[in-house]
Amino acid sequence: MKTILQLIKKDYILFWHDKPAVSLTFVVPIFLIFLFGSIFSGVSSGPTGIDIAFMNNSDSKIAKKLESVLDTTQAFHLVREFRDDNGNMVSFDTNSIKDFVRKGNAVAALVIPKDAFTDTSMGLKLKFFYDPKNDMEMQMIEGVLTQRVMTQMPSLFMTGMQHKAETYLGTDKGKNFNKKIAETVGKYFNVDTAKILHWSSYDFADSSNIDSASSKSNFFSDLLQLDKEQLVGKEVNNPNATRSVGGWAMMFLLFTLTATSTSLFDENKSGVVLRILSAPVSRVHILWGKYLYNFSLGCIQLLVMFFVGYLLFRIDIFSHFFNLLLVIIAGALACTAFGMLLAAVSKTSAQANGLGTLLILTMSGIGGAWFPTFILPPFIQILSKFSLVYWAMEGFMNVLWRGSNTLEILPNVGVLIGIAAVVNIFSIIRFKKGNLF
């Protein structure tokens, strides 16, 4: 038994000295538990801080009250101004608020028109412009928006009834009629008469006995006239496949290039590198050859995956093929730099693969390859901007979904090339100090 315990101790010592094995056993599962836990908690609590372009052209009390309710809603951040071509902050008009959504600056826009609620109205008119780049996000936005609007329906209905009475009977007789109705209701139902006469100022936002998210059978749902217009993606053949192909392509490309980059360890261990160095070949040549091989392989893999997406799901890759090719090249450069970085900072192939698995899963999770980033906690949404997967996905979506021109995708391409440049410089410094060769 003592011998067996010593052998067990030996295995534990070897295990704790194997950093990749430790990370795959503990670090990766803990991170995934935290990540998925954050996602599901975010889904249960609803979205937070989603930018919604907003314009209120109505002077009615109902419209102002609705704006106040939306402004204090945790799910939304109302954007009322934008920066024009001269760099000045200006308010939206009908055309600029649509362009704001089309360019991807906001996922949706809500407009309260001038005639949203008039003295003769029995319903509330709203205009909703949206970009369903992410179907789950759009459904949640519409649900929360409808819920918030419906909280104002009781006051809207009573105010409309009072206006109708005054219009039909005349101002004086109508006011007297409304007063009599209020006195009768107040007498038998113990309700403050003043509140009945001034429903528009009564706060229903926290009323617990109103099922604001109920189905179409809800009486108050007939009072809302929501004019919806999709601004982007109407010509996309297969929206779901178009949304997801870029993220999955980048994740598998990272795994491929990580494996090919870390093959330097196997080549060095097997003596292939020494045989190559016996020829008129330098270490710099070996690194450049591996880098360009990985880069070309990455471009080919992405092109093949998008072409398969075209064959299987009719994803339109040819209408803006040049712009798609630019994003593919920039994405392949960034992924190749990532693979070479792993080879530069790791001491063994197993260590590089373990670290690569952790980083790839992390970047894919927070970068939007698995699920939309809007359901992540706010601080993780900030971290996602440092992931090359995020910028590659945004670039692919701008081309395939939004049909952006070359100038509009330059920020995405520029960030990816910048990531590749910074990582490459760091990798070169590490290769010079390391002992890979």
Protein backbone atom coordinates (compact mmCIF):
# COMPACT_ATOMS: atom_id res chain seq x y z
CA MET A 1 0.00 0.00 0.00
CA LYS A 2 2.88 2.35 0.81
CA THR A 3 4.31 1.79 -2.66
CA ILE A 4 0.96 2.60 -4.27
CA LEU A 5 0.68 5.83 -2.25
CA GLN A 6 4.15 6.86 -3.37
CA LEU A 7 3.17 6.26 -6.98
CA ILE A 8 0.03 8.34 -6.48
CA LYS A 9 2.16 11.11 -4.95
CA LYS A 10 4.49 10.95 -7.95
CA ASP A 11 1.56 11.35 -10.35
CA TYR A 12 0.25 14.38 -8.43
CA ILE A 13 3.70 16.00 -8.49
CA LEU A 14 3.95 15.50 -12.24
CA PHE A 15 0.41 16.76 -12.68
CA TRP A 16 0.93 20.02 -10.76
CA HIS A 17 4.11 20.68 -12.74
CA ASP A 18 2.19 20.25 -16.00
CA LYS A 19 0.62 23.70 -16.36
CA PRO A 20 -1.47 22.90 -19.45
CA ALA A 21 -2.98 19.86 -17.71
CA VAL A 22 -3.78 21.94 -14.61
CA SER A 23 -5.38 24.71 -16.70
CA LEU A 24 -7.51 22.27 -18.69
CA THR A 25 -8.58 20.51 -15.49
CA PHE A 26 -9.45 23.56 -13.42
CA VAL A 27 -9.03 26.94 -15.12
CA VAL A 28 -10.98 26.25 -18.31
CA PRO A 29 -14.00 24.62 -16.60
CA ILE A 30 -14.13 27.38 -13.96
CA PHE A 31 -14.04 30.04 -16.66
CA LEU A 32 -16.78 28.32 -18.68
CA ILE A 33 -18.95 27.96 -15.57
CA PHE A 34 -18.50 31.66 -14.87
CA LEU A 35 -19.15 32.63 -18.51
CA PHE A 36 -22.29 30.55 -19.00
CA GLY A 37 -23.52 31.49 -15.53
CA SER A 38 -23.16 35.16 -16.43
CA ILE A 39 -24.98 34.58 -19.71
CA PHE A 40 -27.94 32.77 -18.21
CA SER A 41 -28.22 35.27 -15.37
CA GLY A 42 -28.17 38.02 -17.97
CA VAL A 43 -30.93 36.33 -19.95
CA SER A 44 -33.13 35.91 -16.87
CA SER A 45 -32.69 39.53 -15.82
CA GLY A 46 -33.12 40.87 -19.34
CA PRO A 47 -30.87 43.09 -21.48
CA THR A 48 -29.17 46.16 -20.04
CA GLY A 49 -27.87 49.36 -21.57
CA ILE A 50 -28.83 48.67 -25.20
CA ASP A 51 -28.48 51.79 -27.33
CA ILE A 52 -31.82 52.85 -28.84
CA ALA A 53 -32.03 55.90 -31.07
CA PHE A 54 -34.96 57.99 -29.86
CA MET A 55 -36.93 60.96 -31.12
CA ASN A 56 -40.05 62.45 -29.53
CA ASN A 57 -41.97 64.85 -31.77
CA SER A 58 -45.15 64.87 -29.68
CA ASP A 59 -46.14 67.47 -27.10
CA SER A 60 -48.76 65.26 -25.43
CA LYS A 61 -48.44 64.34 -21.77
CA ILE A 62 -48.72 60.65 -22.63
CA ALA A 63 -45.70 60.89 -24.95
CA LYS A 64 -43.63 62.74 -22.37
CA LYS A 65 -44.58 60.22 -19.70
CA LEU A 66 -43.63 57.35 -22.00
CA GLU A 67 -40.27 59.00 -22.71
CA SER A 68 -39.66 59.33 -18.99
CA VAL A 69 -40.49 55.65 -18.43
CA LEU A 70 -38.16 54.50 -21.21
CA ASP A 71 -35.42 56.83 -20.03
CA THR A 72 -35.39 55.18 -16.61
CA THR A 73 -35.57 51.65 -17.99
CA GLN A 74 -32.40 49.69 -17.26
CA ALA A 75 -32.68 47.76 -20.51
CA PHE A 76 -32.26 50.81 -22.76
CA HIS A 77 -29.97 53.75 -23.22
CA LEU A 78 -31.84 56.38 -25.25
CA VAL A 79 -29.62 58.13 -27.79
CA ARG A 80 -31.13 61.49 -28.78
CA GLU A 81 -28.17 63.02 -30.64
CA PHE A 82 -25.50 61.96 -33.10
CA ARG A 83 -22.26 63.40 -34.40
CA ASP A 84 -22.57 64.84 -37.91
CA ASP A 85 -19.89 65.04 -40.61
CA ASN A 86 -18.53 68.25 -39.05
CA GLY A 87 -18.13 66.61 -35.65
CA ASN A 88 -21.04 68.48 -34.06
CA MET A 89 -23.67 66.82 -31.89
CA VAL A 90 -27.10 67.35 -33.46
CA SER A 91 -30.58 66.01 -32.80
CA PHE A 92 -32.15 63.34 -34.97
CA ASP A 93 -34.59 63.91 -37.78
CA THR A 94 -36.54 61.26 -39.68
CA ASN A 95 -33.74 60.52 -42.17
CA SER A 96 -30.76 60.71 -39.82
CA ILE A 97 -32.32 58.39 -37.24
CA LYS A 98 -32.80 55.74 -39.94
CA ASP A 99 -29.23 56.16 -41.18
CA PHE A 100 -28.03 55.85 -37.58
CA VAL A 101 -29.55 52.36 -37.44
CA ARG A 102 -28.48 51.39 -40.96
CA LYS A 103 -24.83 52.14 -40.11
CA GLY A 104 -24.96 49.88 -37.06
CA ASN A 105 -24.67 52.66 -34.45
CA ALA A 106 -27.86 51.39 -32.78
CA VAL A 107 -29.86 48.21 -33.16
CA ALA A 108 -33.18 50.04 -33.29
CA ALA A 109 -34.85 53.43 -33.21
CA LEU A 110 -38.13 54.52 -31.63
CA VAL A 111 -39.95 57.59 -32.90
CA ILE A 112 -42.95 59.15 -31.19
CA PRO A 113 -44.57 61.10 -34.05
CA LYS A 114 -46.26 64.45 -33.68
CA ASP A 115 -49.71 62.87 -33.93
CA ALA A 116 -48.86 60.03 -31.55
CA PHE A 117 -51.73 60.99 -29.28
CA THR A 118 -54.18 63.80 -29.97
CA ASP A 119 -57.36 64.99 -28.32
CA THR A 120 -59.36 62.71 -30.60
CA SER A 121 -57.06 59.70 -30.25
CA MET A 122 -58.06 56.37 -28.78
CA GLY A 123 -54.65 54.80 -29.33
CA LEU A 124 -50.95 55.56 -29.25
CA LYS A 125 -49.00 55.70 -32.51
CA LEU A 126 -45.30 54.77 -32.50
CA LYS A 127 -42.72 54.14 -35.21
CA PHE A 128 -40.08 51.46 -34.69
CA PHE A 129 -37.09 51.09 -37.05
CA TYR A 130 -34.82 48.12 -36.48
CA ASP A 131 -31.83 46.12 -37.64
CA PRO A 132 -32.36 42.42 -36.72
CA LYS A 133 -28.64 41.63 -36.95
CA ASN A 134 -29.25 39.42 -33.96
CA ASP A 135 -32.70 37.87 -33.83
CA MET A 136 -32.59 37.05 -30.10
CA GLU A 137 -31.59 40.60 -29.22
CA MET A 138 -34.35 42.10 -31.34
CA GLN A 139 -37.03 39.87 -29.81
CA MET A 140 -35.94 40.88 -26.31
CA ILE A 141 -35.90 44.57 -27.25
CA GLU A 142 -39.39 44.41 -28.73
CA GLY A 143 -40.65 42.52 -25.69
CA VAL A 144 -39.23 45.01 -23.18
CA LEU A 145 -40.34 47.98 -25.27
CA THR A 146 -43.88 46.65 -25.61
CA GLN A 147 -44.01 45.93 -21.88
CA ARG A 148 -42.96 49.48 -21.02
CA VAL A 149 -45.40 51.03 -23.47
CA MET A 150 -48.27 48.87 -22.26
CA THR A 151 -47.87 50.17 -18.72
CA GLN A 152 -49.21 53.47 -20.02
CA MET A 153 -52.29 51.97 -21.69
CA PRO A 154 -54.73 52.34 -18.76
CA SER A 155 -54.12 56.08 -18.51
CA LEU A 156 -54.14 56.33 -22.29
CA PHE A 157 -57.51 54.58 -22.51
CA MET A 158 -59.18 56.69 -19.85
CA THR A 159 -57.76 59.93 -21.25
CA GLY A 160 -58.97 58.95 -24.72
CA MET A 161 -62.46 58.16 -23.40
CA GLN A 162 -62.65 61.55 -21.70
CA HIS A 163 -61.53 63.28 -24.89
CA LYS A 164 -64.13 61.38 -26.90
CA ALA A 165 -66.87 62.42 -24.50
CA GLU A 166 -65.88 66.08 -24.71
CA THR A 167 -65.67 65.89 -28.52
CA TYR A 168 -69.07 64.21 -28.87
CA LEU A 169 -70.97 66.20 -26.24
CA GLY A 170 -69.09 69.46 -26.42
CA THR A 171 -66.48 70.79 -24.02
CA ASP A 172 -68.75 71.88 -21.17
CA LYS A 173 -71.18 68.96 -21.33
CA GLY A 174 -68.31 66.53 -21.86
CA LYS A 175 -66.44 67.77 -18.77
CA ASN A 176 -69.64 67.57 -16.74
CA PHE A 177 -70.24 64.02 -18.02
CA ASN A 178 -66.71 62.96 -17.09
CA LYS A 179 -67.09 64.54 -13.66
CA LYS A 180 -70.34 62.64 -13.02
CA ILE A 181 -68.72 59.37 -14.13
CA ALA A 182 -65.76 60.01 -11.83
CA GLU A 183 -68.03 60.77 -8.87
CA THR A 184 -70.04 57.59 -9.46
CA VAL A 185 -66.92 55.40 -9.71
CA GLY A 186 -65.40 57.08 -6.67
CA LYS A 187 -68.56 56.56 -4.65
CA TYR A 188 -68.94 52.83 -5.24
CA PHE A 189 -65.31 51.72 -5.66
CA ASN A 190 -63.56 53.95 -3.13
CA VAL A 191 -61.29 55.56 -5.74
CA ASP A 192 -60.02 59.11 -5.56
CA THR A 193 -62.14 61.19 -7.95
CA ALA A 194 -59.19 63.42 -8.82
CA LYS A 195 -57.19 60.44 -10.06
CA ILE A 196 -60.02 59.36 -12.32
CA LEU A 197 -60.23 62.83 -13.86
CA HIS A 198 -56.46 63.00 -14.37
CA TRP A 199 -55.52 59.51 -15.54
CA SER A 200 -52.68 60.82 -17.70
CA SER A 201 -50.74 61.87 -14.60
CA TYR A 202 -51.34 58.62 -12.75
CA ASP A 203 -48.35 56.27 -12.55
CA PHE A 204 -49.10 52.74 -13.78
CA ALA A 205 -45.48 51.76 -14.30
CA ASP A 206 -45.32 49.66 -11.16
CA SER A 207 -48.91 48.43 -11.11
CA SER A 208 -48.80 44.77 -10.17
CA ASN A 209 -52.31 43.93 -11.35
CA ILE A 210 -51.65 44.79 -15.00
CA ASP A 211 -50.31 42.00 -17.16
CA SER A 212 -48.43 44.26 -19.59
CA ALA A 213 -46.79 41.42 -21.51
CA SER A 214 -49.94 39.46 -22.11
CA SER A 215 -51.09 38.09 -25.43
CA LYS A 216 -53.17 39.77 -28.11
CA SER A 217 -56.30 39.03 -26.15
CA ASN A 218 -55.30 41.80 -23.77
CA PHE A 219 -57.78 44.60 -24.32
CA PHE A 220 -55.19 47.33 -24.05
CA SER A 221 -53.01 45.84 -26.78
CA ASP A 222 -55.51 47.15 -29.36
CA LEU A 223 -54.65 50.68 -28.28
CA LEU A 224 -51.03 50.47 -29.45
CA GLN A 225 -50.30 51.13 -33.11
CA LEU A 226 -46.65 50.15 -33.57
CA ASP A 227 -45.48 50.84 -37.11
CA LYS A 228 -42.40 48.62 -37.58
CA GLU A 229 -39.91 48.92 -40.43
CA GLN A 230 -36.87 46.70 -40.96
CA LEU A 231 -34.02 48.82 -42.31
CA VAL A 232 -31.24 46.26 -42.77
CA GLY A 233 -31.05 42.62 -43.87
CA LYS A 234 -34.31 42.39 -45.80
CA GLU A 235 -32.51 40.94 -48.83
CA VAL A 236 -30.51 38.36 -46.84
CA ASN A 237 -31.46 34.84 -47.95
CA ASN A 238 -30.67 32.95 -44.75
CA PRO A 239 -30.37 35.35 -41.79
CA ASN A 240 -29.47 32.75 -39.13
CA ALA A 241 -26.67 31.18 -41.18
CA THR A 242 -25.37 34.60 -42.22
CA ARG A 243 -25.19 35.72 -38.60
CA SER A 244 -23.30 32.66 -37.35
CA VAL A 245 -20.93 31.56 -40.12
CA GLY A 246 -18.27 34.18 -39.37
CA GLY A 247 -17.98 33.36 -35.66
CA TRP A 248 -17.67 29.60 -36.13
CA ALA A 249 -15.21 30.06 -39.00
CA MET A 250 -12.94 32.21 -36.84
CA MET A 251 -13.03 29.81 -33.89
CA PHE A 252 -12.04 26.79 -35.97
CA LEU A 253 -9.40 28.84 -37.79
CA LEU A 254 -7.82 29.71 -34.44
CA PHE A 255 -7.64 26.03 -33.51
CA THR A 256 -6.13 25.14 -36.90
CA LEU A 257 -3.45 27.84 -36.85
CA THR A 258 -2.61 27.15 -33.22
CA ALA A 259 -1.90 23.52 -34.09
CA THR A 260 0.21 24.38 -37.13
CA SER A 261 2.18 27.05 -35.25
CA THR A 262 2.96 24.79 -32.31
CA SER A 263 4.14 22.10 -34.74
CA LEU A 264 7.47 23.97 -34.50
CA PHE A 265 8.00 22.17 -31.20
CA ASP A 266 7.47 18.76 -32.79
CA GLU A 267 9.74 19.62 -35.73
CA ASN A 268 12.43 20.79 -33.35
CA LYS A 269 12.11 17.68 -31.16
CA SER A 270 12.18 15.28 -34.11
CA GLY A 271 15.31 16.87 -35.55
CA VAL A 272 13.65 18.29 -38.67
CA VAL A 273 14.74 21.80 -37.76
CA LEU A 274 18.39 20.76 -37.41
CA ARG A 275 18.32 19.09 -40.83
CA ILE A 276 16.80 22.23 -42.35
CA LEU A 277 19.44 24.43 -40.67
CA SER A 278 22.18 22.28 -42.20
CA ALA A 279 21.10 23.73 -45.53
CA PRO A 280 21.60 27.42 -46.39
CA VAL A 281 18.50 28.30 -44.37
CA SER A 282 18.39 30.56 -41.30
CA ARG A 283 16.03 30.54 -38.32
CA VAL A 284 14.42 33.69 -39.69
CA HIS A 285 13.61 31.82 -42.90
CA ILE A 286 11.98 29.03 -40.90
CA LEU A 287 9.79 31.46 -38.96
CA TRP A 288 8.80 33.40 -42.08
CA GLY A 289 8.02 30.17 -43.90
CA LYS A 290 5.82 28.96 -41.05
CA TYR A 291 4.11 32.35 -40.75
CA LEU A 292 3.30 32.68 -44.45
CA TYR A 293 2.19 29.05 -44.62
CA ASN A 294 -0.22 29.59 -41.72
CA PHE A 295 -1.48 32.85 -43.21
CA SER A 296 -2.18 31.29 -46.60
CA LEU A 297 -3.81 28.27 -44.95
CA GLY A 298 -6.01 30.58 -42.89
CA CYS A 299 -7.17 32.49 -45.96
CA ILE A 300 -7.93 29.25 -47.79
CA GLN A 301 -9.84 27.81 -44.81
CA LEU A 302 -12.01 30.92 -44.43
CA LEU A 303 -12.71 31.09 -48.16
CA VAL A 304 -13.70 27.41 -48.22
CA MET A 305 -16.00 27.80 -45.20
CA PHE A 306 -17.77 30.81 -46.69
CA PHE A 307 -18.09 29.04 -50.03
CA VAL A 308 -19.63 26.05 -48.27
CA GLY A 309 -22.01 28.48 -46.58
CA TYR A 310 -22.95 29.75 -50.02
CA LEU A 311 -23.58 26.23 -51.33
CA LEU A 312 -25.54 24.99 -48.32
CA PHE A 313 -27.39 28.10 -47.13
CA ARG A 314 -27.16 30.48 -50.12
CA ILE A 315 -25.19 33.04 -48.11
CA ASP A 316 -24.45 35.90 -50.49
CA ILE A 317 -20.65 36.10 -50.57
CA PHE A 318 -20.26 37.43 -54.13
CA SER A 319 -22.14 40.75 -54.04
CA HIS A 320 -19.39 42.27 -51.88
CA PHE A 321 -16.65 39.70 -52.42
CA PHE A 322 -13.75 42.18 -52.43
CA ASN A 323 -14.76 43.58 -49.03
CA LEU A 324 -15.28 40.06 -47.69
CA LEU A 325 -11.80 39.17 -48.93
CA LEU A 326 -10.32 42.16 -47.08
CA VAL A 327 -11.86 41.00 -43.79
CA ILE A 328 -10.72 37.41 -44.46
CA ILE A 329 -7.13 38.57 -45.04
CA ALA A 330 -7.14 40.74 -41.92
CA GLY A 331 -8.71 37.96 -39.84
CA ALA A 332 -6.20 35.39 -41.09
CA LEU A 333 -3.32 37.76 -40.25
CA ALA A 334 -4.60 38.23 -36.70
CA CYS A 335 -5.18 34.49 -36.16
CA THR A 336 -1.73 33.64 -37.55
CA ALA A 337 -0.15 36.16 -35.20
CA PHE A 338 -2.02 34.56 -32.32
CA GLY A 339 -0.72 31.09 -33.22
CA MET A 340 2.86 32.32 -33.49
CA LEU A 341 2.51 34.08 -30.14
CA LEU A 342 1.61 30.78 -28.48
CA ALA A 343 4.72 29.18 -29.97
CA ALA A 344 6.82 32.11 -28.75
CA VAL A 345 5.64 32.18 -25.13
CA SER A 346 5.31 28.42 -24.54
CA LYS A 347 8.05 25.95 -23.68
CA THR A 348 6.39 22.78 -24.96
CA SER A 349 3.76 21.82 -27.51
CA ALA A 350 1.43 20.60 -24.74
CA GLN A 351 1.73 23.92 -22.93
CA ALA A 352 0.99 25.87 -26.12
CA ASN A 353 -2.06 23.73 -26.90
CA GLY A 354 -3.39 24.04 -23.35
CA LEU A 355 -2.94 27.81 -23.29
CA GLY A 356 -4.37 28.05 -26.82
CA THR A 357 -7.50 26.12 -25.86
CA LEU A 358 -8.14 28.43 -22.93
CA LEU A 359 -7.61 31.62 -24.94
CA ILE A 360 -9.58 30.44 -27.97
CA LEU A 361 -12.58 29.45 -25.86
CA THR A 362 -12.35 32.76 -24.02
CA MET A 363 -12.15 34.90 -27.16
CA SER A 364 -14.92 32.92 -28.86
CA GLY A 365 -17.18 33.16 -25.81
CA ILE A 366 -16.80 36.88 -25.19
CA GLY A 367 -16.34 37.81 -28.85
CA GLY A 368 -19.80 36.69 -29.96
CA ALA A 369 -18.95 33.45 -31.80
CA TRP A 370 -21.28 31.37 -29.60
CA PHE A 371 -23.95 33.85 -28.53
CA PRO A 372 -24.65 37.60 -28.85
CA THR A 373 -22.49 39.82 -26.66
CA PHE A 374 -25.43 41.96 -25.50
CA ILE A 375 -26.49 39.30 -22.97
CA LEU A 376 -23.06 39.32 -21.30
CA PRO A 377 -22.41 41.41 -18.18
CA PRO A 378 -21.33 45.00 -19.00
CA PHE A 379 -17.70 44.50 -17.96
CA ILE A 380 -17.38 41.42 -20.18
CA GLN A 381 -18.87 43.41 -23.07
CA ILE A 382 -15.98 45.83 -22.59
CA LEU A 383 -13.48 42.96 -22.58
CA SER A 384 -14.99 41.60 -25.79
CA LYS A 385 -13.62 44.63 -27.65
CA PHE A 386 -10.11 43.26 -27.03
CA SER A 387 -10.93 39.96 -28.76
CA LEU A 388 -9.93 39.51 -32.40
CA VAL A 389 -13.00 37.28 -32.82
CA TYR A 390 -15.24 40.25 -32.01
CA TRP A 391 -13.71 42.51 -34.67
CA ALA A 392 -13.66 39.76 -37.29
CA MET A 393 -17.32 38.95 -36.65
CA GLU A 394 -18.26 42.64 -36.86
CA GLY A 395 -16.40 42.86 -40.15
CA PHE A 396 -18.12 39.79 -41.59
CA MET A 397 -21.54 41.05 -40.45
CA ASN A 398 -20.91 44.48 -41.95
CA VAL A 399 -20.16 42.88 -45.31
CA LEU A 400 -22.65 40.00 -45.42
CA TRP A 401 -25.54 41.52 -43.47
CA ARG A 402 -25.24 45.26 -43.89
CA GLY A 403 -23.56 45.34 -47.30
CA SER A 404 -21.03 47.91 -46.10
CA ASN A 405 -18.60 49.48 -48.56
CA THR A 406 -14.81 49.40 -48.28
CA LEU A 407 -14.61 52.65 -46.33
CA GLU A 408 -17.14 51.43 -43.75
CA ILE A 409 -15.25 48.20 -42.99
CA LEU A 410 -11.86 49.91 -42.65
CA PRO A 411 -12.19 50.23 -38.83
CA ASN A 412 -12.69 46.45 -38.52
CA VAL A 413 -9.87 45.66 -40.93
CA GLY A 414 -7.62 48.25 -39.28
CA VAL A 415 -8.15 46.86 -35.78
CA LEU A 416 -7.42 43.29 -36.92
CA ILE A 417 -4.23 44.35 -38.72
CA GLY A 418 -3.25 46.41 -35.67
CA ILE A 419 -3.73 43.38 -33.42
CA ALA A 420 -1.61 41.30 -35.78
CA ALA A 421 1.17 43.93 -35.84
CA VAL A 422 1.36 44.30 -32.05
CA VAL A 423 1.29 40.55 -31.44
CA ASN A 424 3.89 39.92 -34.14
CA ILE A 425 6.31 42.44 -32.62
CA PHE A 426 5.92 40.82 -29.20
CA SER A 427 6.38 37.34 -30.71
CA ILE A 428 9.61 38.36 -32.49
CA ILE A 429 11.03 39.69 -29.21
CA ARG A 430 10.08 36.44 -27.46
CA PHE A 431 11.57 34.28 -30.22
CA LYS A 432 14.88 36.12 -29.92
CA LYS A 433 14.97 35.52 -26.15
CA GLY A 434 13.53 32.01 -26.19
CA ASN A 435 15.11 28.64 -26.77
CA LEU A 436 12.75 27.15 -29.33
CA PHE A 437 15.61 26.57 -31.80
